[in-house]
Amino acid sequence: HRITTKMPSQPVRLYTKGVVLGYRRSHVRQQEQYSLVRLEGVRERDDTDFYMGKRVAYIYRAQRKRPNRADAEGNKIRVIWGKIVKAHGNSGVVRARFRNNLPPKAQGATVRVMLYPSRV
């Protein structure tokens, strides 16, 4: 008999990381409704096709707690949800459109790119 012991496995991460670069812009004006996001491990425009339509979460910590029905204390963690809509340039940067425009303090912050909805 061989006794097999199950090794403790690492938790599975169901998202990939991205960094907010800024807003879509020209020399004259910027368009705050589109945020530019660099995705981890994506370096070419062809690689961005997999991420089209995927959900993006910008998670931040607020000043005050918001009361929640689930827990009476509430918490300070908030999320702004968005969606990847288009590639931007040839270097693997994508445009994301959020339900509420991202605040300027989000520039340089990390976002989570969820691996759903899947088109595979």
Protein backbone atom coordinates (compact mmCIF):
# COMPACT_ATOMS: atom_id res chain seq x y z
CA HIS A 1 0.00 0.00 0.00
CA ARG A 2 1.08 3.45 -0.79
CA ILE A 3 -0.21 6.14 1.49
CA THR A 4 -0.83 9.34 -0.34
CA THR A 5 -0.93 12.50 1.66
CA LYS A 6 -2.52 15.51 0.12
CA MET A 7 -0.14 18.44 0.10
CA PRO A 8 -1.65 21.78 1.07
CA SER A 9 -2.24 23.57 -2.21
CA GLN A 10 -1.84 27.24 -2.90
CA PRO A 11 -5.09 29.17 -3.32
CA VAL A 12 -6.05 29.59 -6.95
CA ARG A 13 -6.04 33.18 -8.23
CA LEU A 14 -8.99 33.73 -10.55
CA TYR A 15 -7.78 37.04 -11.91
CA THR A 16 -4.75 38.56 -13.55
CA LYS A 17 -3.15 41.83 -12.53
CA GLY A 18 -3.12 45.08 -14.43
CA VAL A 19 -1.88 48.63 -13.85
CA VAL A 20 -3.84 51.78 -14.62
CA LEU A 21 -1.67 53.99 -16.84
CA GLY A 22 -4.02 56.95 -17.15
CA TYR A 23 -6.85 58.13 -19.35
CA ARG A 24 -7.17 57.89 -23.10
CA ARG A 25 -5.91 61.22 -24.36
CA SER A 26 -4.62 63.34 -27.19
CA HIS A 27 -2.30 66.32 -27.02
CA VAL A 28 -5.23 68.62 -26.30
CA ARG A 29 -7.79 66.73 -24.22
CA GLN A 30 -8.24 63.57 -22.22
CA GLN A 31 -11.24 61.25 -22.22
CA GLU A 32 -11.91 60.23 -18.64
CA GLN A 33 -14.46 57.57 -19.61
CA TYR A 34 -11.65 55.37 -20.97
CA SER A 35 -8.80 54.23 -18.75
CA LEU A 36 -5.65 52.65 -20.18
CA VAL A 37 -4.59 49.43 -18.48
CA ARG A 38 -1.36 47.47 -18.93
CA LEU A 39 -2.00 43.76 -18.39
CA GLU A 40 0.51 41.43 -16.76
CA GLY A 41 2.24 39.23 -19.33
CA VAL A 42 0.66 40.91 -22.37
CA ARG A 43 3.15 42.55 -24.73
CA GLU A 44 1.46 42.43 -28.15
CA ARG A 45 -1.83 43.57 -29.61
CA ASP A 46 -2.68 40.01 -30.69
CA ASP A 47 -2.54 38.83 -27.05
CA THR A 48 -5.20 41.34 -25.98
CA ASP A 49 -7.97 39.54 -27.89
CA PHE A 50 -8.40 37.02 -25.05
CA TYR A 51 -9.17 39.82 -22.59
CA MET A 52 -11.88 41.61 -24.60
CA GLY A 53 -15.10 41.80 -22.59
CA LYS A 54 -13.46 40.69 -19.34
CA ARG A 55 -14.47 42.41 -16.11
CA VAL A 56 -12.04 44.73 -14.35
CA ALA A 57 -12.18 45.61 -10.63
CA TYR A 58 -10.50 48.66 -9.13
CA ILE A 59 -10.42 47.96 -5.38
CA TYR A 60 -9.70 50.78 -2.97
CA ARG A 61 -10.01 51.65 0.69
CA ALA A 62 -12.44 54.45 1.54
CA GLN A 63 -12.26 56.96 4.40
CA ARG A 64 -15.49 55.89 6.11
CA LYS A 65 -17.28 52.63 6.57
CA ARG A 66 -20.41 52.10 4.57
CA PRO A 67 -23.09 50.19 6.48
CA ASN A 68 -23.86 46.90 4.83
CA ARG A 69 -26.82 44.56 5.30
CA ALA A 70 -24.55 41.51 5.49
CA ASP A 71 -22.42 42.71 8.40
CA ALA A 72 -23.64 45.35 10.81
CA GLU A 73 -20.25 47.08 11.08
CA GLY A 74 -19.73 47.60 7.35
CA ASN A 75 -16.25 47.95 5.88
CA LYS A 76 -14.04 50.42 4.09
CA ILE A 77 -13.30 48.31 1.00
CA ARG A 78 -15.01 49.56 -2.16
CA VAL A 79 -14.92 48.47 -5.80
CA ILE A 80 -15.44 50.21 -9.13
CA TRP A 81 -16.29 47.68 -11.86
CA GLY A 82 -15.42 48.07 -15.51
CA LYS A 83 -14.98 46.14 -18.73
CA ILE A 84 -12.16 45.84 -21.26
CA VAL A 85 -13.48 47.22 -24.52
CA LYS A 86 -10.59 47.63 -26.97
CA ALA A 87 -6.85 47.36 -27.55
CA HIS A 88 -4.83 50.58 -27.43
CA GLY A 89 -1.77 50.66 -29.65
CA ASN A 90 0.43 47.69 -30.47
CA SER A 91 2.16 47.05 -27.14
CA GLY A 92 -0.59 45.15 -25.32
CA VAL A 93 -2.26 48.09 -23.54
CA VAL A 94 -6.07 47.96 -23.43
CA ARG A 95 -8.87 50.45 -22.90
CA ALA A 96 -11.25 49.80 -20.04
CA ARG A 97 -14.55 51.55 -19.45
CA PHE A 98 -15.70 51.74 -15.83
CA ARG A 99 -19.23 52.27 -14.50
CA ASN A 100 -17.98 55.39 -12.76
CA ASN A 101 -14.88 57.03 -14.16
CA LEU A 102 -11.75 56.16 -12.20
CA PRO A 103 -10.45 58.92 -9.94
CA PRO A 104 -7.04 60.42 -10.75
CA LYS A 105 -5.52 58.73 -7.67
CA ALA A 106 -6.09 55.39 -9.44
CA GLN A 107 -3.29 56.12 -11.90
CA GLY A 108 -0.44 53.73 -11.17
CA ALA A 109 -2.67 51.52 -9.01
CA THR A 110 -3.29 47.85 -9.67
CA VAL A 111 -6.57 46.44 -10.90
CA ARG A 112 -7.86 42.90 -11.06
CA VAL A 113 -8.83 41.58 -14.48
CA MET A 114 -11.27 38.75 -13.87
CA LEU A 115 -11.15 35.74 -16.16
CA TYR A 116 -14.89 35.97 -16.85
CA PRO A 117 -17.05 36.25 -18.85
CA SER A 118 -15.34 33.58 -20.92
CA ARG A 119 -15.64 33.45 -24.70
CA VAL A 120 -13.81 30.14 -25.03
